[in-house]
Amino acid sequence: MRISELEGLRRSLDESANRLSFSILVGSLIMGAAIISTNATKGRLMIVSDVLLAVASLLCLWLIVSILRSGKLK
């Protein structure tokens, strides 16, 4: 049994769940970089922290752009 109206709802829930899990991942990267940078006294840890923060920033920017491009931000 298929209900055509539920297909759109399912797709919307899938997109929302994907965005939520992606934003949790980005937030975790930012928190990890912050924790590493507060305890970093060596150059290598500072580099790791900077790389994590740069990756998290790029992923966050990509998430924002994808949300804005979808046109469903209201």
N, C-alpha and C. Protein backbone atom coordinates (compact mmCIF):
# COMPACT_ATOMS: atom_id res chain seq x y z
N MET A 1 0.83 -1.17 0.00
CA MET A 1 0.00 0.00 0.00
C MET A 1 0.88 1.24 0.00
N ARG A 2 0.65 2.15 -0.92
CA ARG A 2 1.45 3.37 -1.03
C ARG A 2 0.54 4.57 -0.96
N ILE A 3 0.92 5.49 -0.18
CA ILE A 3 0.19 6.75 -0.08
C ILE A 3 1.11 7.83 -0.65
N SER A 4 0.68 8.47 -1.71
CA SER A 4 1.55 9.41 -2.43
C SER A 4 1.92 10.62 -1.58
N GLU A 5 1.08 11.03 -0.68
CA GLU A 5 1.38 12.19 0.14
C GLU A 5 2.48 11.92 1.16
N LEU A 6 2.66 10.67 1.53
CA LEU A 6 3.68 10.34 2.52
C LEU A 6 5.09 10.31 1.93
N GLU A 7 5.21 10.19 0.62
CA GLU A 7 6.53 10.16 0.00
C GLU A 7 7.26 11.48 0.20
N GLY A 8 6.57 12.58 0.05
CA GLY A 8 7.19 13.89 0.29
C GLY A 8 7.60 14.07 1.74
N LEU A 9 6.78 13.60 2.64
CA LEU A 9 7.09 13.68 4.07
C LEU A 9 8.32 12.83 4.39
N ARG A 10 8.39 11.65 3.81
CA ARG A 10 9.54 10.78 4.05
C ARG A 10 10.82 11.42 3.54
N ARG A 11 10.76 12.01 2.36
CA ARG A 11 11.94 12.66 1.78
C ARG A 11 12.37 13.85 2.64
N SER A 12 11.41 14.60 3.12
CA SER A 12 11.71 15.75 3.97
C SER A 12 12.35 15.32 5.28
N LEU A 13 11.85 14.24 5.87
CA LEU A 13 12.43 13.73 7.11
C LEU A 13 13.84 13.19 6.88
N ASP A 14 14.08 12.56 5.75
CA ASP A 14 15.41 12.07 5.43
C ASP A 14 16.40 13.23 5.31
N GLU A 15 15.99 14.29 4.61
CA GLU A 15 16.87 15.45 4.46
C GLU A 15 17.15 16.11 5.80
N SER A 16 16.13 16.22 6.63
CA SER A 16 16.31 16.83 7.95
C SER A 16 17.25 15.99 8.82
N ALA A 17 17.08 14.69 8.79
CA ALA A 17 17.95 13.81 9.58
C ALA A 17 19.39 13.88 9.09
N ASN A 18 19.58 13.94 7.78
CA ASN A 18 20.94 14.05 7.24
C ASN A 18 21.59 15.36 7.66
N ARG A 19 20.85 16.45 7.59
CA ARG A 19 21.40 17.74 7.99
C ARG A 19 21.71 17.77 9.48
N LEU A 20 20.84 17.18 10.27
CA LEU A 20 21.07 17.14 11.71
C LEU A 20 22.32 16.35 12.05
N SER A 21 22.48 15.18 11.45
CA SER A 21 23.67 14.38 11.74
C SER A 21 24.93 15.07 11.23
N PHE A 22 24.84 15.75 10.10
CA PHE A 22 25.99 16.47 9.57
C PHE A 22 26.36 17.64 10.48
N SER A 23 25.37 18.35 10.99
CA SER A 23 25.66 19.48 11.87
C SER A 23 26.22 19.00 13.20
N ILE A 24 25.80 17.85 13.69
CA ILE A 24 26.38 17.29 14.91
C ILE A 24 27.85 16.94 14.67
N LEU A 25 28.15 16.40 13.52
CA LEU A 25 29.54 16.09 13.18
C LEU A 25 30.39 17.34 13.12
N VAL A 26 29.89 18.39 12.49
CA VAL A 26 30.63 19.65 12.40
C VAL A 26 30.84 20.24 13.79
N GLY A 27 29.80 20.21 14.62
CA GLY A 27 29.94 20.71 15.98
C GLY A 27 30.97 19.93 16.79
N SER A 28 31.01 18.62 16.57
CA SER A 28 32.00 17.78 17.26
C SER A 28 33.42 18.13 16.82
N LEU A 29 33.58 18.39 15.54
CA LEU A 29 34.91 18.79 15.05
C LEU A 29 35.34 20.12 15.66
N ILE A 30 34.42 21.07 15.76
CA ILE A 30 34.74 22.36 16.35
C ILE A 30 35.10 22.20 17.83
N MET A 31 34.32 21.41 18.55
CA MET A 31 34.62 21.20 19.97
C MET A 31 35.94 20.47 20.16
N GLY A 32 36.22 19.49 19.32
CA GLY A 32 37.49 18.78 19.40
C GLY A 32 38.67 19.70 19.14
N ALA A 33 38.53 20.56 18.16
CA ALA A 33 39.61 21.52 17.86
C ALA A 33 39.80 22.49 19.02
N ALA A 34 38.70 22.91 19.65
CA ALA A 34 38.81 23.82 20.78
C ALA A 34 39.48 23.15 21.97
N ILE A 35 39.14 21.91 22.24
CA ILE A 35 39.75 21.19 23.36
C ILE A 35 41.23 20.98 23.11
N ILE A 36 41.58 20.62 21.90
CA ILE A 36 43.00 20.41 21.59
C ILE A 36 43.77 21.72 21.69
N SER A 37 43.19 22.82 21.20
CA SER A 37 43.92 24.09 21.20
C SER A 37 44.11 24.66 22.61
N THR A 38 43.21 24.36 23.53
CA THR A 38 43.40 24.88 24.89
C THR A 38 44.52 24.16 25.62
N ASN A 39 44.77 22.90 25.27
CA ASN A 39 45.82 22.13 25.94
C ASN A 39 47.08 22.00 25.10
N ALA A 40 47.10 22.62 23.95
CA ALA A 40 48.23 22.46 23.04
C ALA A 40 49.37 23.39 23.44
N THR A 41 50.51 22.78 23.71
CA THR A 41 51.71 23.57 23.99
C THR A 41 52.78 23.29 22.94
N LYS A 42 52.59 22.24 22.16
CA LYS A 42 53.55 21.89 21.13
C LYS A 42 53.01 22.31 19.77
N GLY A 43 53.91 22.47 18.84
CA GLY A 43 53.54 22.93 17.51
C GLY A 43 52.65 21.96 16.75
N ARG A 44 52.87 20.67 16.94
CA ARG A 44 52.09 19.68 16.21
C ARG A 44 50.62 19.71 16.62
N LEU A 45 50.37 19.85 17.91
CA LEU A 45 48.98 19.90 18.37
C LEU A 45 48.28 21.16 17.87
N MET A 46 49.00 22.25 17.78
CA MET A 46 48.40 23.48 17.26
C MET A 46 48.05 23.31 15.79
N ILE A 47 48.89 22.61 15.04
CA ILE A 47 48.62 22.37 13.62
C ILE A 47 47.39 21.48 13.47
N VAL A 48 47.30 20.43 14.29
CA VAL A 48 46.13 19.54 14.24
C VAL A 48 44.87 20.31 14.58
N SER A 49 44.95 21.15 15.58
CA SER A 49 43.80 21.96 15.98
C SER A 49 43.39 22.91 14.87
N ASP A 50 44.35 23.54 14.23
CA ASP A 50 44.04 24.46 13.13
C ASP A 50 43.43 23.74 11.94
N VAL A 51 43.94 22.55 11.64
CA VAL A 51 43.39 21.77 10.52
C VAL A 51 41.96 21.34 10.82
N LEU A 52 41.72 20.86 12.04
CA LEU A 52 40.36 20.47 12.43
C LEU A 52 39.40 21.65 12.34
N LEU A 53 39.84 22.80 12.80
CA LEU A 53 38.99 23.98 12.75
C LEU A 53 38.73 24.42 11.31
N ALA A 54 39.73 24.33 10.46
CA ALA A 54 39.55 24.69 9.05
C ALA A 54 38.58 23.73 8.36
N VAL A 55 38.72 22.44 8.63
CA VAL A 55 37.81 21.45 8.03
C VAL A 55 36.38 21.68 8.53
N ALA A 56 36.24 21.91 9.82
CA ALA A 56 34.91 22.15 10.38
C ALA A 56 34.29 23.42 9.80
N SER A 57 35.10 24.44 9.60
CA SER A 57 34.59 25.68 9.02
C SER A 57 34.13 25.48 7.59
N LEU A 58 34.88 24.74 6.80
CA LEU A 58 34.49 24.46 5.42
C LEU A 58 33.22 23.62 5.36
N LEU A 59 33.12 22.62 6.22
CA LEU A 59 31.92 21.80 6.25
C LEU A 59 30.70 22.60 6.70
N CYS A 60 30.91 23.48 7.66
CA CYS A 60 29.81 24.33 8.12
C CYS A 60 29.36 25.27 7.01
N LEU A 61 30.30 25.84 6.29
CA LEU A 61 29.96 26.71 5.17
C LEU A 61 29.21 25.94 4.11
N TRP A 62 29.64 24.72 3.82
CA TRP A 62 28.96 23.90 2.83
C TRP A 62 27.53 23.57 3.27
N LEU A 63 27.35 23.30 4.56
CA LEU A 63 26.02 23.02 5.09
C LEU A 63 25.11 24.23 4.96
N ILE A 64 25.62 25.40 5.27
CA ILE A 64 24.82 26.62 5.17
C ILE A 64 24.44 26.89 3.72
N VAL A 65 25.38 26.71 2.81
CA VAL A 65 25.09 26.93 1.39
C VAL A 65 24.04 25.93 0.89
N SER A 66 24.16 24.68 1.30
CA SER A 66 23.18 23.68 0.84
C SER A 66 21.79 23.96 1.40
N ILE A 67 21.70 24.46 2.62
CA ILE A 67 20.41 24.82 3.18
C ILE A 67 19.82 26.02 2.44
N LEU A 68 20.64 27.00 2.16
CA LEU A 68 20.15 28.17 1.45
C LEU A 68 19.75 27.84 0.01
N ARG A 69 20.48 26.95 -0.63
CA ARG A 69 20.16 26.58 -2.01
C ARG A 69 18.88 25.76 -2.11
N SER A 70 18.54 25.05 -1.04
CA SER A 70 17.34 24.24 -1.09
C SER A 70 16.09 25.11 -1.09
N GLY A 71 16.21 26.32 -0.57
CA GLY A 71 15.09 27.24 -0.56
C GLY A 71 14.03 26.92 0.46
N LYS A 72 14.32 26.04 1.39
CA LYS A 72 13.33 25.61 2.38
C LYS A 72 13.58 26.23 3.75
N LEU A 73 14.43 27.24 3.80
CA LEU A 73 14.73 27.90 5.06
C LEU A 73 13.71 29.01 5.27
N LYS A 74 12.76 28.77 6.15
CA LYS A 74 11.73 29.78 6.41
C LYS A 74 11.43 29.84 7.87
